């Protein structure tokens, strides 16, 4: 009898549709923290923002994930060349990171 009931409940469409979910809810997405400073950098681009008197509309952000050090750069245009120029500046100051985290422009 127990086997029959278990099989019936397993194949019942309504039972499966309204069955409570026993999985834990997904937690917040966390950036892994690395031990060495400037081992991993996270980059992001904010904008367009209201234009400044010097014509800047974008903010390019570079963050060290282990120390939470942040560098901000104001940009006129959000182009790959402008972002690369500031990345090279940071790389020359602090060295090359092992990882570079980006949201790929989304």
PDB file of N, CA and C in Angstrom:
ATOM      1  N   UNK A   1       0.829  -1.191   0.000  1.00  0.00           N
ATOM      2  CA  UNK A   1       0.000   0.000   0.000  1.00  0.00           C
ATOM      3  C   UNK A   1       0.878   1.261   0.000  1.00  0.00           C
ATOM      4  N   UNK A   2       1.903   1.302   0.846  1.00  0.00           N
ATOM      5  CA  UNK A   2       2.792   2.460   0.929  1.00  0.00           C
ATOM      6  C   UNK A   2       3.471   2.710  -0.418  1.00  0.00           C
ATOM      7  N   UNK A   3       3.910   1.648  -1.070  1.00  0.00           N
ATOM      8  CA  UNK A   3       4.568   1.757  -2.361  1.00  0.00           C
ATOM      9  C   UNK A   3       3.604   2.326  -3.404  1.00  0.00           C
ATOM     10  N   UNK A   4       2.362   1.879  -3.379  1.00  0.00           N
ATOM     11  CA  UNK A   4       1.347   2.347  -4.323  1.00  0.00           C
ATOM     12  C   UNK A   4       1.082   3.852  -4.130  1.00  0.00           C
ATOM     13  N   UNK A   5       0.956   4.298  -2.884  1.00  0.00           N
ATOM     14  CA  UNK A   5       0.690   5.716  -2.594  1.00  0.00           C
ATOM     15  C   UNK A   5       1.889   6.575  -3.015  1.00  0.00           C
ATOM     16  N   UNK A   6       3.088   6.111  -2.703  1.00  0.00           N
ATOM     17  CA  UNK A   6       4.288   6.865  -3.088  1.00  0.00           C
ATOM     18  C   UNK A   6       4.374   7.000  -4.606  1.00  0.00           C
ATOM     19  N   UNK A   7       4.065   5.948  -5.329  1.00  0.00           N
ATOM     20  CA  UNK A   7       4.095   5.989  -6.800  1.00  0.00           C
ATOM     21  C   UNK A   7       3.015   6.927  -7.339  1.00  0.00           C
ATOM     22  N   UNK A   8       1.833   6.898  -6.734  1.00  0.00           N
ATOM     23  CA  UNK A   8       0.734   7.767  -7.170  1.00  0.00           C
ATOM     24  C   UNK A   8       1.097   9.250  -6.971  1.00  0.00           C
ATOM     25  N   UNK A   9       1.613   9.578  -5.794  1.00  0.00           N
ATOM     26  CA  UNK A   9       1.980  10.966  -5.496  1.00  0.00           C
ATOM     27  C   UNK A   9       3.128  11.423  -6.398  1.00  0.00           C
ATOM     28  N   UNK A  10       4.070  10.541  -6.667  1.00  0.00           N
ATOM     29  CA  UNK A  10       5.210  10.872  -7.516  1.00  0.00           C
ATOM     30  C   UNK A  10       4.767  11.224  -8.938  1.00  0.00           C
ATOM     31  N   UNK A  11       3.738  10.556  -9.447  1.00  0.00           N
ATOM     32  CA  UNK A  11       3.278  10.762 -10.821  1.00  0.00           C
ATOM     33  C   UNK A  11       2.078  11.694 -10.933  1.00  0.00           C
ATOM     34  N   UNK A  12       1.574  12.200  -9.833  1.00  0.00           N
ATOM     35  CA  UNK A  12       0.400  13.076  -9.845  1.00  0.00           C
ATOM     36  C   UNK A  12       0.819  14.489 -10.275  1.00  0.00           C
ATOM     37  N   UNK A  13       0.246  14.984 -11.365  1.00  0.00           N
ATOM     38  CA  UNK A  13       0.612  16.302 -11.897  1.00  0.00           C
ATOM     39  C   UNK A  13       0.259  17.414 -10.913  1.00  0.00           C
ATOM     40  N   UNK A  14      -0.933  17.355 -10.324  1.00  0.00           N
ATOM     41  CA  UNK A  14      -1.343  18.393  -9.368  1.00  0.00           C
ATOM     42  C   UNK A  14      -0.482  18.371  -8.108  1.00  0.00           C
ATOM     43  N   UNK A  15      -0.142  17.179  -7.638  1.00  0.00           N
ATOM     44  CA  UNK A  15       0.697  17.076  -6.437  1.00  0.00           C
ATOM     45  C   UNK A  15       2.062  17.712  -6.696  1.00  0.00           C
ATOM     46  N   UNK A  16       2.629  17.448  -7.862  1.00  0.00           N
ATOM     47  CA  UNK A  16       3.948  18.000  -8.185  1.00  0.00           C
ATOM     48  C   UNK A  16       3.892  19.507  -8.399  1.00  0.00           C
ATOM     49  N   UNK A  17       2.799  20.014  -8.930  1.00  0.00           N
ATOM     50  CA  UNK A  17       2.675  21.446  -9.185  1.00  0.00           C
ATOM     51  C   UNK A  17       2.594  22.236  -7.880  1.00  0.00           C
ATOM     52  N   UNK A  18       1.849  21.732  -6.892  1.00  0.00           N
ATOM     53  CA  UNK A  18       1.625  22.471  -5.648  1.00  0.00           C
ATOM     54  C   UNK A  18       2.510  22.009  -4.497  1.00  0.00           C
ATOM     55  N   UNK A  19       3.410  21.089  -4.763  1.00  0.00           N
ATOM     56  CA  UNK A  19       4.314  20.590  -3.731  1.00  0.00           C
ATOM     57  C   UNK A  19       5.230  21.726  -3.265  1.00  0.00           C
ATOM     58  N   UNK A  20       5.408  21.888  -1.947  1.00  0.00           N
ATOM     59  CA  UNK A  20       6.293  22.965  -1.477  1.00  0.00           C
ATOM     60  C   UNK A  20       7.745  22.686  -1.869  1.00  0.00           C
ATOM     61  N   UNK A  21       8.460  23.758  -2.157  1.00  0.00           N
ATOM     62  CA  UNK A  21       9.866  23.651  -2.525  1.00  0.00           C
ATOM     63  C   UNK A  21      10.701  23.557  -1.252  1.00  0.00           C
ATOM     64  N   UNK A  22      11.496  22.510  -1.126  1.00  0.00           N
ATOM     65  CA  UNK A  22      12.301  22.293   0.078  1.00  0.00           C
ATOM     66  C   UNK A  22      13.718  22.843  -0.044  1.00  0.00           C
ATOM     67  N   UNK A  23      14.034  23.490  -1.162  1.00  0.00           N
ATOM     68  CA  UNK A  23      15.373  24.039  -1.338  1.00  0.00           C
ATOM     69  C   UNK A  23      15.495  25.374  -0.618  1.00  0.00           C
ATOM     70  N   UNK A  24      16.707  25.673  -0.174  1.00  0.00           N
ATOM     71  CA  UNK A  24      16.969  26.964   0.453  1.00  0.00           C
ATOM     72  C   UNK A  24      16.904  28.050  -0.612  1.00  0.00           C
ATOM     73  N   UNK A  25      16.401  29.230  -0.262  1.00  0.00           N
ATOM     74  CA  UNK A  25      16.393  30.317  -1.245  1.00  0.00           C
ATOM     75  C   UNK A  25      17.821  30.748  -1.577  1.00  0.00           C
ATOM     76  N   UNK A  26      17.994  31.198  -2.797  1.00  0.00           N
ATOM     77  CA  UNK A  26      19.318  31.640  -3.229  1.00  0.00           C
ATOM     78  C   UNK A  26      19.743  32.857  -2.426  1.00  0.00           C
ATOM     79  N   UNK A  27      20.976  32.881  -2.013  1.00  0.00           N
ATOM     80  CA  UNK A  27      21.499  34.003  -1.242  1.00  0.00           C
ATOM     81  C   UNK A  27      21.963  35.122  -2.153  1.00  0.00           C
ATOM     82  N   UNK A  28      22.512  36.159  -1.567  1.00  0.00           N
ATOM     83  CA  UNK A  28      23.038  37.273  -2.332  1.00  0.00           C
ATOM     84  C   UNK A  28      24.309  36.851  -3.051  1.00  0.00           C
ATOM     85  N   UNK A  29      24.509  37.400  -4.241  1.00  0.00           N
ATOM     86  CA  UNK A  29      25.717  37.119  -4.997  1.00  0.00           C
ATOM     87  C   UNK A  29      26.882  37.844  -4.341  1.00  0.00           C
ATOM     88  N   UNK A  30      27.918  37.121  -4.034  1.00  0.00           N
ATOM     89  CA  UNK A  30      29.074  37.712  -3.366  1.00  0.00           C
ATOM     90  C   UNK A  30      30.303  37.582  -4.245  1.00  0.00           C
ATOM     91  N   UNK A  31      31.097  38.618  -4.252  1.00  0.00           N
ATOM     92  CA  UNK A  31      32.368  38.571  -4.956  1.00  0.00           C
ATOM     93  C   UNK A  31      33.371  37.869  -4.059  1.00  0.00           C
ATOM     94  N   UNK A  32      34.062  36.855  -4.581  1.00  0.00           N
ATOM     95  CA  UNK A  32      35.054  36.184  -3.738  1.00  0.00           C
ATOM     96  C   UNK A  32      36.137  37.156  -3.288  1.00  0.00           C
ATOM     97  N   UNK A  33      36.588  36.992  -2.066  1.00  0.00           N
ATOM     98  CA  UNK A  33      37.635  37.854  -1.520  1.00  0.00           C
ATOM     99  C   UNK A  33      38.959  37.096  -1.594  1.00  0.00           C
ATOM    100  N   UNK A  34      39.955  37.746  -2.141  1.00  0.00           N
ATOM    101  CA  UNK A  34      41.259  37.128  -2.306  1.00  0.00           C
ATOM    102  C   UNK A  34      42.241  37.728  -1.305  1.00  0.00           C
ATOM    103  N   UNK A  35      43.238  36.947  -0.928  1.00  0.00           N
ATOM    104  CA  UNK A  35      44.143  37.338   0.148  1.00  0.00           C
ATOM    105  C   UNK A  35      45.121  38.429  -0.259  1.00  0.00           C
ATOM    106  N   UNK A  36      45.603  38.392  -1.471  1.00  0.00           N
ATOM    107  CA  UNK A  36      46.650  39.317  -1.880  1.00  0.00           C
ATOM    108  C   UNK A  36      46.046  40.570  -2.500  1.00  0.00           C
ATOM    109  N   UNK A  37      46.603  41.723  -2.143  1.00  0.00           N
ATOM    110  CA  UNK A  37      46.057  42.952  -2.700  1.00  0.00           C
ATOM    111  C   UNK A  37      46.391  43.054  -4.183  1.00  0.00           C
ATOM    112  N   UNK A  38      45.476  43.637  -4.918  1.00  0.00           N
ATOM    113  CA  UNK A  38      45.557  43.796  -6.365  1.00  0.00           C
ATOM    114  C   UNK A  38      45.721  42.471  -7.100  1.00  0.00           C
ATOM    115  N   UNK A  39      45.248  41.382  -6.470  1.00  0.00           N
ATOM    116  CA  UNK A  39      45.212  40.094  -7.154  1.00  0.00           C
ATOM    117  C   UNK A  39      44.012  40.054  -8.098  1.00  0.00           C
ATOM    118  N   UNK A  40      42.904  40.640  -7.657  1.00  0.00           N
ATOM    119  CA  UNK A  40      41.691  40.662  -8.464  1.00  0.00           C
ATOM    120  C   UNK A  40      41.119  42.071  -8.472  1.00  0.00           C
ATOM    121  N   UNK A  41      40.848  42.568  -9.662  1.00  0.00           N
ATOM    122  CA  UNK A  41      40.230  43.880  -9.821  1.00  0.00           C
ATOM    123  C   UNK A  41      38.856  43.710 -10.447  1.00  0.00           C
ATOM    124  N   UNK A  42      37.910  44.507  -9.975  1.00  0.00           N
ATOM    125  CA  UNK A  42      36.570  44.550 -10.561  1.00  0.00           C
ATOM    126  C   UNK A  42      36.412  45.914 -11.226  1.00  0.00           C
ATOM    127  N   UNK A  43      35.849  45.918 -12.437  1.00  0.00           N
ATOM    128  CA  UNK A  43      35.676  47.178 -13.160  1.00  0.00           C
ATOM    129  C   UNK A  43      34.211  47.349 -13.530  1.00  0.00           C
ATOM    130  N   UNK A  44      33.782  48.601 -13.601  1.00  0.00           N
ATOM    131  CA  UNK A  44      32.414  48.905 -14.003  1.00  0.00           C
ATOM    132  C   UNK A  44      32.373  50.312 -14.572  1.00  0.00           C
ATOM    133  N   UNK A  45      31.314  50.577 -15.312  1.00  0.00           N
ATOM    134  CA  UNK A  45      31.129  51.862 -15.962  1.00  0.00           C
ATOM    135  C   UNK A  45      29.752  52.385 -15.581  1.00  0.00           C
ATOM    136  N   UNK A  46      29.672  53.618 -15.081  1.00  0.00           N
ATOM    137  CA  UNK A  46      28.407  54.239 -14.689  1.00  0.00           C
ATOM    138  C   UNK A  46      28.100  55.397 -15.620  1.00  0.00           C
ATOM    139  N   UNK A  47      26.849  55.475 -16.043  1.00  0.00           N
ATOM    140  CA  UNK A  47      26.454  56.626 -16.846  1.00  0.00           C
ATOM    141  C   UNK A  47      25.443  56.235 -17.899  1.00  0.00           C
ATOM    142  N   UNK A  48      25.064  57.152 -18.731  1.00  0.00           N
ATOM    143  CA  UNK A  48      25.497  58.543 -18.751  1.00  0.00           C
ATOM    144  C   UNK A  48      24.877  59.333 -17.598  1.00  0.00           C
ATOM    145  N   UNK A  49      25.672  60.214 -17.036  1.00  0.00           N
ATOM    146  CA  UNK A  49      25.265  61.096 -15.947  1.00  0.00           C
ATOM    147  C   UNK A  49      25.118  62.509 -16.502  1.00  0.00           C
ATOM    148  N   UNK A  50      24.571  63.438 -15.726  1.00  0.00           N
ATOM    149  CA  UNK A  50      24.524  64.829 -16.196  1.00  0.00           C
ATOM    150  C   UNK A  50      25.938  65.324 -16.510  1.00  0.00           C
ATOM    151  N   UNK A  51      26.064  66.021 -17.607  1.00  0.00           N
ATOM    152  CA  UNK A  51      27.372  66.456 -18.092  1.00  0.00           C
ATOM    153  C   UNK A  51      27.977  67.528 -17.189  1.00  0.00           C
ATOM    154  N   UNK A  52      29.275  67.391 -16.909  1.00  0.00           N
ATOM    155  CA  UNK A  52      30.001  68.383 -16.108  1.00  0.00           C
ATOM    156  C   UNK A  52      30.431  69.536 -17.012  1.00  0.00           C
ATOM    157  N   UNK A  53      30.885  70.650 -16.435  1.00  0.00           N
ATOM    158  CA  UNK A  53      31.367  71.762 -17.269  1.00  0.00           C
ATOM    159  C   UNK A  53      32.524  71.372 -18.195  1.00  0.00           C
ATOM    160  N   UNK A  54      33.271  70.329 -17.826  1.00  0.00           N
ATOM    161  CA  UNK A  54      34.379  69.883 -18.680  1.00  0.00           C
ATOM    162  C   UNK A  54      33.959  68.805 -19.676  1.00  0.00           C
ATOM    163  N   UNK A  55      32.667  68.484 -19.736  1.00  0.00           N
ATOM    164  CA  UNK A  55      32.162  67.534 -20.726  1.00  0.00           C
ATOM    165  C   UNK A  55      32.200  66.073 -20.314  1.00  0.00           C
ATOM    166  N   UNK A  56      32.416  65.781 -19.053  1.00  0.00           N
ATOM    167  CA  UNK A  56      32.475  64.391 -18.578  1.00  0.00           C
ATOM    168  C   UNK A  56      31.066  63.895 -18.264  1.00  0.00           C
ATOM    169  N   UNK A  57      30.742  62.685 -18.770  1.00  0.00           N
ATOM    170  CA  UNK A  57      29.408  62.115 -18.561  1.00  0.00           C
ATOM    171  C   UNK A  57      29.429  60.712 -17.956  1.00  0.00           C
ATOM    172  N   UNK A  58      30.578  60.087 -17.916  1.00  0.00           N
ATOM    173  CA  UNK A  58      30.691  58.703 -17.475  1.00  0.00           C
ATOM    174  C   UNK A  58      31.694  58.591 -16.334  1.00  0.00           C
ATOM    175  N   UNK A  59      31.510  57.566 -15.490  1.00  0.00           N
ATOM    176  CA  UNK A  59      32.466  57.260 -14.428  1.00  0.00           C
ATOM    177  C   UNK A  59      32.940  55.824 -14.635  1.00  0.00           C
ATOM    178  N   UNK A  60      34.238  55.666 -14.733  1.00  0.00           N
ATOM    179  CA  UNK A  60      34.865  54.352 -14.852  1.00  0.00           C
ATOM    180  C   UNK A  60      35.420  53.994 -13.483  1.00  0.00           C
ATOM    181  N   UNK A  61      34.992  52.855 -12.942  1.00  0.00           N
ATOM    182  CA  UNK A  61      35.345  52.440 -11.584  1.00  0.00           C
ATOM    183  C   UNK A  61      36.252  51.221 -11.633  1.00  0.00           C
ATOM    184  N   UNK A  62      37.311  51.252 -10.862  1.00  0.00           N
ATOM    185  CA  UNK A  62      38.204  50.103 -10.696  1.00  0.00           C
ATOM    186  C   UNK A  62      38.315  49.844  -9.200  1.00  0.00           C
ATOM    187  N   UNK A  63      37.996  48.604  -8.774  1.00  0.00           N
ATOM    188  CA  UNK A  63      38.017  48.257  -7.346  1.00  0.00           C
ATOM    189  C   UNK A  63      38.890  47.039  -7.113  1.00  0.00           C
ATOM    190  N   UNK A  64      39.739  47.112  -6.106  1.00  0.00           N
ATOM    191  CA  UNK A  64      40.501  45.952  -5.660  1.00  0.00           C
ATOM    192  C   UNK A  64      39.595  45.171  -4.710  1.00  0.00           C
ATOM    193  N   UNK A  65      39.307  43.908  -5.037  1.00  0.00           N
ATOM    194  CA  UNK A  65      38.329  43.152  -4.250  1.00  0.00           C
ATOM    195  C   UNK A  65      38.833  42.764  -2.867  1.00  0.00           C
ATOM    196  N   UNK A  66      40.141  42.693  -2.652  1.00  0.00           N
ATOM    197  CA  UNK A  66      40.621  42.289  -1.324  1.00  0.00           C
ATOM    198  C   UNK A  66      40.703  43.463  -0.358  1.00  0.00           C
ATOM    199  N   UNK A  67      41.141  44.633  -0.821  1.00  0.00           N
ATOM    200  CA  UNK A  67      41.280  45.779   0.081  1.00  0.00           C
ATOM    201  C   UNK A  67      40.126  46.766  -0.033  1.00  0.00           C
ATOM    202  N   UNK A  68      39.272  46.589  -1.042  1.00  0.00           N
ATOM    203  CA  UNK A  68      38.145  47.496  -1.332  1.00  0.00           C
ATOM    204  C   UNK A  68      38.625  48.886  -1.765  1.00  0.00           C
ATOM    205  N   UNK A  69      39.863  48.986  -2.219  1.00  0.00           N
ATOM    206  CA  UNK A  69      40.400  50.246  -2.745  1.00  0.00           C
ATOM    207  C   UNK A  69      39.686  50.555  -4.050  1.00  0.00           C
ATOM    208  N   UNK A  70      39.215  51.783  -4.194  1.00  0.00           N
ATOM    209  CA  UNK A  70      38.455  52.179  -5.382  1.00  0.00           C
ATOM    210  C   UNK A  70      39.143  53.357  -6.055  1.00  0.00           C
ATOM    211  N   UNK A  71      39.226  53.283  -7.369  1.00  0.00           N
ATOM    212  CA  UNK A  71      39.705  54.404  -8.173  1.00  0.00           C
ATOM    213  C   UNK A  71      38.594  54.758  -9.149  1.00  0.00           C
ATOM    214  N   UNK A  72      38.264  56.044  -9.232  1.00  0.00           N
ATOM    215  CA  UNK A  72      37.221  56.531 -10.131  1.00  0.00           C
ATOM    216  C   UNK A  72      37.847  57.460 -11.160  1.00  0.00           C
ATOM    217  N   UNK A  73      37.387  57.321 -12.401  1.00  0.00           N
ATOM    218  CA  UNK A  73      37.882  58.158 -13.481  1.00  0.00           C
ATOM    219  C   UNK A  73      36.688  58.718 -14.243  1.00  0.00           C
ATOM    220  N   UNK A  74      36.673  60.023 -14.465  1.00  0.00           N
ATOM    221  CA  UNK A  74      35.603  60.666 -15.229  1.00  0.00           C
ATOM    222  C   UNK A  74      35.948  60.589 -16.715  1.00  0.00           C
ATOM    223  N   UNK A  75      34.961  60.195 -17.532  1.00  0.00           N
ATOM    224  CA  UNK A  75      35.168  60.027 -18.969  1.00  0.00           C
ATOM    225  C   UNK A  75      34.177  60.871 -19.753  1.00  0.00           C
ATOM    226  N   UNK A  76      34.613  61.353 -20.909  1.00  0.00           N
ATOM    227  CA  UNK A  76      33.695  62.047 -21.813  1.00  0.00           C
ATOM    228  C   UNK A  76      32.829  61.039 -22.554  1.00  0.00           C
ATOM    229  N   UNK A  77      33.467  59.983 -23.052  1.00  0.00           N
ATOM    230  CA  UNK A  77      32.768  58.941 -23.806  1.00  0.00           C
ATOM    231  C   UNK A  77      33.096  57.581 -23.206  1.00  0.00           C
ATOM    232  N   UNK A  78      32.122  56.679 -23.243  1.00  0.00           N
ATOM    233  CA  UNK A  78      32.323  55.329 -22.721  1.00  0.00           C
ATOM    234  C   UNK A  78      32.833  54.433 -23.849  1.00  0.00           C
ATOM    235  N   UNK A  79      34.101  54.588 -24.180  1.00  0.00           N
ATOM    236  CA  UNK A  79      34.698  53.774 -25.238  1.00  0.00           C
ATOM    237  C   UNK A  79      35.723  52.827 -24.635  1.00  0.00           C
ATOM    238  N   UNK A  80      36.008  51.765 -25.365  1.00  0.00           N
ATOM    239  CA  UNK A  80      37.003  50.799 -24.905  1.00  0.00           C
ATOM    240  C   UNK A  80      38.379  51.444 -24.795  1.00  0.00           C
ATOM    241  N   UNK A  81      38.690  52.365 -25.710  1.00  0.00           N
ATOM    242  CA  UNK A  81      39.997  53.024 -25.684  1.00  0.00           C
ATOM    243  C   UNK A  81      40.166  53.860 -24.411  1.00  0.00           C
ATOM    244  N   UNK A  82      39.129  54.598 -24.026  1.00  0.00           N
ATOM    245  CA  UNK A  82      39.206  55.405 -22.801  1.00  0.00           C
ATOM    246  C   UNK A  82      39.379  54.522 -21.568  1.00  0.00           C
ATOM    247  N   UNK A  83      38.610  53.434 -21.501  1.00  0.00           N
ATOM    248  CA  UNK A  83      38.713  52.524 -20.352  1.00  0.00           C
ATOM    249  C   UNK A  83      40.090  51.864 -20.314  1.00  0.00           C
ATOM    250  N   UNK A  84      40.589  51.451 -21.480  1.00  0.00           N
ATOM    251  CA  UNK A  84      41.901  50.801 -21.543  1.00  0.00           C
ATOM    252  C   UNK A  84      43.004  51.749 -21.092  1.00  0.00           C
ATOM    253  N   UNK A  85      42.880  53.027 -21.439  1.00  0.00           N
ATOM    254  CA  UNK A  85      43.887  54.014 -21.040  1.00  0.00           C
ATOM    255  C   UNK A  85      44.005  54.074 -19.514  1.00  0.00           C
ATOM    256  N   UNK A  86      42.863  54.088 -18.816  1.00  0.00           N
ATOM    257  CA  UNK A  86      42.898  54.163 -17.353  1.00  0.00           C
ATOM    258  C   UNK A  86      43.294  52.828 -16.725  1.00  0.00           C
ATOM    259  N   UNK A  87      42.921  51.711 -17.362  1.00  0.00           N
ATOM    260  CA  UNK A  87      43.373  50.414 -16.859  1.00  0.00           C
ATOM    261  C   UNK A  87      44.896  50.315 -16.936  1.00  0.00           C
ATOM    262  N   UNK A  88      45.466  50.754 -18.046  1.00  0.00           N
ATOM    263  CA  UNK A  88      46.924  50.726 -18.188  1.00  0.00           C
ATOM    264  C   UNK A  88      47.578  51.597 -17.123  1.00  0.00           C
ATOM    265  N   UNK A  89      46.978  52.754 -16.844  1.00  0.00           N
ATOM    266  CA  UNK A  89      47.511  53.643 -15.802  1.00  0.00           C
ATOM    267  C   UNK A  89      47.545  52.939 -14.448  1.00  0.00           C
ATOM    268  N   UNK A  90      46.469  52.238 -14.110  1.00  0.00           N
ATOM    269  CA  UNK A  90      46.403  51.513 -12.831  1.00  0.00           C
ATOM    270  C   UNK A  90      47.379  50.338 -12.836  1.00  0.00           C
ATOM    271  N   UNK A  91      47.479  49.623 -13.962  1.00  0.00           N
ATOM    272  CA  UNK A  91      48.408  48.491 -14.046  1.00  0.00           C
ATOM    273  C   UNK A  91      49.853  48.947 -13.872  1.00  0.00           C
ATOM    274  N   UNK A  92      50.196  50.099 -14.435  1.00  0.00           N
ATOM    275  CA  UNK A  92      51.563  50.605 -14.304  1.00  0.00           C
ATOM    276  C   UNK A  92      51.873  51.032 -12.869  1.00  0.00           C
ATOM    277  N   UNK A  93      50.859  51.501 -12.158  1.00  0.00           N
ATOM    278  CA  UNK A  93      51.061  51.924 -10.767  1.00  0.00           C
ATOM    279  C   UNK A  93      51.153  50.750  -9.806  1.00  0.00           C
ATOM    280  N   UNK A  94      50.264  49.753  -9.972  1.00  0.00           N
ATOM    281  CA  UNK A  94      50.132  48.686  -8.975  1.00  0.00           C
ATOM    282  C   UNK A  94      50.522  47.298  -9.484  1.00  0.00           C
ATOM    283  N   UNK A  95      50.754  47.131 -10.768  1.00  0.00           N
ATOM    284  CA  UNK A  95      51.073  45.818 -11.332  1.00  0.00           C
ATOM    285  C   UNK A  95      49.842  45.164 -11.932  1.00  0.00           C
ATOM    286  N   UNK A  96      50.091  44.079 -12.667  1.00  0.00           N
ATOM    287  CA  UNK A  96      48.998  43.374 -13.339  1.00  0.00           C
ATOM    288  C   UNK A  96      48.248  42.476 -12.362  1.00  0.00           C
ATOM    289  N   UNK A  97      46.911  42.483 -12.402  1.00  0.00           N
ATOM    290  CA  UNK A  97      46.141  41.584 -11.538  1.00  0.00           C
ATOM    291  C   UNK A  97      46.091  40.184 -12.148  1.00  0.00           C
ATOM    292  N   UNK A  98      45.791  39.198 -11.323  1.00  0.00           N
ATOM    293  CA  UNK A  98      45.591  37.834 -11.835  1.00  0.00           C
ATOM    294  C   UNK A  98      44.225  37.698 -12.494  1.00  0.00           C
ATOM    295  N   UNK A  99      43.241  38.412 -11.942  1.00  0.00           N
ATOM    296  CA  UNK A  99      41.867  38.334 -12.455  1.00  0.00           C
ATOM    297  C   UNK A  99      41.318  39.737 -12.631  1.00  0.00           C
ATOM    298  N   UNK A 100      40.484  39.878 -13.653  1.00  0.00           N
ATOM    299  CA  UNK A 100      39.788  41.136 -13.902  1.00  0.00           C
ATOM    300  C   UNK A 100      38.314  40.786 -14.062  1.00  0.00           C
ATOM    301  N   UNK A 101      37.476  41.271 -13.142  1.00  0.00           N
ATOM    302  CA  UNK A 101      36.052  40.940 -13.150  1.00  0.00           C
ATOM    303  C   UNK A 101      35.278  42.096 -13.765  1.00  0.00           C
ATOM    304  N   UNK A 102      34.427  41.763 -14.741  1.00  0.00           N
ATOM    305  CA  UNK A 102      33.594  42.761 -15.405  1.00  0.00           C
ATOM    306  C   UNK A 102      32.234  42.146 -15.685  1.00  0.00           C
ATOM    307  N   UNK A 103      31.214  42.999 -15.819  1.00  0.00           N
ATOM    308  CA  UNK A 103      29.890  42.482 -16.166  1.00  0.00           C
ATOM    309  C   UNK A 103      29.672  42.487 -17.679  1.00  0.00           C
ATOM    310  N   UNK A 104      30.715  42.703 -18.445  1.00  0.00           N
ATOM    311  CA  UNK A 104      30.679  42.690 -19.908  1.00  0.00           C
ATOM    312  C   UNK A 104      29.688  43.687 -20.480  1.00  0.00           C
ATOM    313  N   UNK A 105      29.547  44.819 -19.836  1.00  0.00           N
ATOM    314  CA  UNK A 105      28.713  45.887 -20.376  1.00  0.00           C
ATOM    315  C   UNK A 105      27.226  45.733 -20.160  1.00  0.00           C
ATOM    316  N   UNK A 106      26.812  44.872 -19.244  1.00  0.00           N
ATOM    317  CA  UNK A 106      25.372  44.723 -19.002  1.00  0.00           C
ATOM    318  C   UNK A 106      24.950  45.553 -17.817  1.00  0.00           C
TER     319      UNK A 106
END
